[in-house]
Structures are given as C-alpha cells and as structure tokens.
Amino acid sequence: MILDEMKLIAEEQGYELTETAEKVAKFMERQKIPLGVCPCARDVPPPYRGCIGMICKNELEEKGICHCQVFRKPICK
C-alpha cells in the first residue's frame, strides 16, 4: 500500500506526513502511479521525480512542505 510506503519514507527521512497524504496515496493507487513517480513531477527525469526525490527535498528545505503536500518538516511542539 502506497500510504504505508510513504509513512516509511517519512520516518526514514525525518519528515512527517500531512493530512493530505492519504488522499494522494489513494489517488496514486487508483491511477496506478508508482511511488517512484511523483504525480507533481511526471515530466522530470529520474532519479529526481520520485516521492522524496531531489525536487521534494528542495521544496521541503525551502518551504517546509513538498508540492504534493504529502511530506512536511516536523512541527516543533
């Protein structure tokens, strides 16, 4: 299941999933989009287009959240 993979990626990379992550995961499953192809970066060549690829990491560092709104930097409490 894609959501489980997203959770694992977030944990390994030190990020959190957003409230939108489940919706994006369901969309990707319905459309048969593998996790290695970010729906927001389909035109970007590998290895930069996968979920938590270079584009996502750059967005996370600059904005604190990726374009798909799946991953975010941890919120300090």
C-alpha atoms as a PDB file:
ATOM      1  CA  MET A   1       0.000   0.000   0.000  1.00  0.00           C
ATOM      2  CA  ILE A   2       1.407   3.383  -1.012  1.00  0.00           C
ATOM      3  CA  LEU A   3       0.449   5.124   2.233  1.00  0.00           C
ATOM      4  CA  ASP A   4       2.475   2.584   4.210  1.00  0.00           C
ATOM      5  CA  GLU A   5       5.466   3.235   1.956  1.00  0.00           C
ATOM      6  CA  MET A   6       5.008   6.994   2.409  1.00  0.00           C
ATOM      7  CA  LYS A   7       4.988   6.527   6.198  1.00  0.00           C
ATOM      8  CA  LEU A   8       8.199   4.533   5.999  1.00  0.00           C
ATOM      9  CA  ILE A   9       9.873   7.160   3.796  1.00  0.00           C
ATOM     10  CA  ALA A  10       8.799   9.945   6.158  1.00  0.00           C
ATOM     11  CA  GLU A  11      10.174   8.071   9.153  1.00  0.00           C
ATOM     12  CA  GLU A  12      13.471   7.236   7.444  1.00  0.00           C
ATOM     13  CA  GLN A  13      13.984  10.786   6.142  1.00  0.00           C
ATOM     14  CA  GLY A  14      12.904  12.606   9.320  1.00  0.00           C
ATOM     15  CA  TYR A  15       9.733  14.115   7.872  1.00  0.00           C
ATOM     16  CA  GLU A  16       6.052  13.888   8.766  1.00  0.00           C
ATOM     17  CA  LEU A  17       3.057  13.038   6.607  1.00  0.00           C
ATOM     18  CA  THR A  18       0.449  15.744   6.220  1.00  0.00           C
ATOM     19  CA  GLU A  19      -3.309  15.378   6.430  1.00  0.00           C
ATOM     20  CA  THR A  20      -3.327  15.230   2.610  1.00  0.00           C
ATOM     21  CA  ALA A  21      -1.039  12.181   2.351  1.00  0.00           C
ATOM     22  CA  GLU A  22      -3.839   9.604   2.500  1.00  0.00           C
ATOM     23  CA  LYS A  23      -5.779  11.307  -0.320  1.00  0.00           C
ATOM     24  CA  VAL A  24      -2.677  11.485  -2.513  1.00  0.00           C
ATOM     25  CA  ALA A  25      -1.852   7.823  -1.793  1.00  0.00           C
ATOM     26  CA  LYS A  26      -5.383   6.728  -2.757  1.00  0.00           C
ATOM     27  CA  PHE A  27      -5.204   8.794  -5.957  1.00  0.00           C
ATOM     28  CA  MET A  28      -1.864   7.229  -6.863  1.00  0.00           C
ATOM     29  CA  GLU A  29      -3.251   3.729  -6.262  1.00  0.00           C
ATOM     30  CA  ARG A  30      -6.377   4.391  -8.362  1.00  0.00           C
ATOM     31  CA  GLN A  31      -4.308   5.831 -11.197  1.00  0.00           C
ATOM     32  CA  LYS A  32      -1.663   3.081 -10.851  1.00  0.00           C
ATOM     33  CA  ILE A  33       1.069   5.669 -10.328  1.00  0.00           C
ATOM     34  CA  PRO A  34       4.064   4.040  -8.600  1.00  0.00           C
ATOM     35  CA  LEU A  35       5.676   5.784  -5.655  1.00  0.00           C
ATOM     36  CA  GLY A  36       8.776   6.258  -7.810  1.00  0.00           C
ATOM     37  CA  VAL A  37       6.833   8.733  -9.956  1.00  0.00           C
ATOM     38  CA  CYS A  38       5.684  11.809  -8.075  1.00  0.00           C
ATOM     39  CA  PRO A  39       2.341  12.916  -9.581  1.00  0.00           C
ATOM     40  CA  CYS A  40       3.589  16.504  -9.482  1.00  0.00           C
ATOM     41  CA  ALA A  41       6.849  15.769 -11.297  1.00  0.00           C
ATOM     42  CA  ARG A  42       5.919  13.388 -14.102  1.00  0.00           C
ATOM     43  CA  ASP A  43       7.913  15.325 -16.683  1.00  0.00           C
ATOM     44  CA  VAL A  44      11.084  15.340 -14.583  1.00  0.00           C
ATOM     45  CA  PRO A  45      13.675  12.669 -15.421  1.00  0.00           C
ATOM     46  CA  PRO A  46      14.648  10.011 -12.868  1.00  0.00           C
ATOM     47  CA  PRO A  47      16.079   9.952 -10.215  1.00  0.00           C
ATOM     48  CA  TYR A  48      14.672  13.384  -9.386  1.00  0.00           C
ATOM     49  CA  ARG A  49      10.976  12.704  -9.805  1.00  0.00           C
ATOM     50  CA  GLY A  50      10.181  10.074  -7.179  1.00  0.00           C
ATOM     51  CA  CYS A  51       8.427  10.817  -3.944  1.00  0.00           C
ATOM     52  CA  ILE A  52      11.018  12.408  -1.707  1.00  0.00           C
ATOM     53  CA  GLY A  53      13.336  12.841  -4.695  1.00  0.00           C
ATOM     54  CA  MET A  54      15.511  15.892  -5.173  1.00  0.00           C
ATOM     55  CA  ILE A  55      12.592  18.140  -6.116  1.00  0.00           C
ATOM     56  CA  CYS A  56      10.683  17.174  -2.962  1.00  0.00           C
ATOM     57  CA  LYS A  57      13.743  17.575  -0.755  1.00  0.00           C
ATOM     58  CA  ASN A  58      14.461  21.032  -2.176  1.00  0.00           C
ATOM     59  CA  GLU A  59      10.855  22.096  -1.584  1.00  0.00           C
ATOM     60  CA  LEU A  60      10.902  20.678   1.933  1.00  0.00           C
ATOM     61  CA  GLU A  61      14.054  22.619   2.758  1.00  0.00           C
ATOM     62  CA  GLU A  62      12.821  25.865   1.187  1.00  0.00           C
ATOM     63  CA  LYS A  63       9.122  25.783   2.075  1.00  0.00           C
ATOM     64  CA  GLY A  64       8.826  23.139   4.784  1.00  0.00           C
ATOM     65  CA  ILE A  65       6.349  21.118   2.694  1.00  0.00           C
ATOM     66  CA  CYS A  66       6.515  19.374  -0.680  1.00  0.00           C
ATOM     67  CA  HIS A  67       4.420  20.452  -3.668  1.00  0.00           C
ATOM     68  CA  CYS A  68       2.088  17.434  -3.388  1.00  0.00           C
ATOM     69  CA  GLN A  69       1.552  18.331   0.270  1.00  0.00           C
ATOM     70  CA  VAL A  70       2.402  14.782   1.361  1.00  0.00           C
ATOM     71  CA  PHE A  71       5.575  15.395   3.375  1.00  0.00           C
ATOM     72  CA  ARG A  72       6.500  18.256   5.695  1.00  0.00           C
ATOM     73  CA  LYS A  73       9.260  19.084   8.079  1.00  0.00           C
ATOM     74  CA  PRO A  74       8.395  18.087  11.637  1.00  0.00           C
ATOM     75  CA  ILE A  75       6.423  20.685  13.536  1.00  0.00           C
ATOM     76  CA  CYS A  76       8.183  21.657  16.739  1.00  0.00           C
ATOM     77  CA  LYS A  77       5.932  21.310  19.747  1.00  0.00           C
END
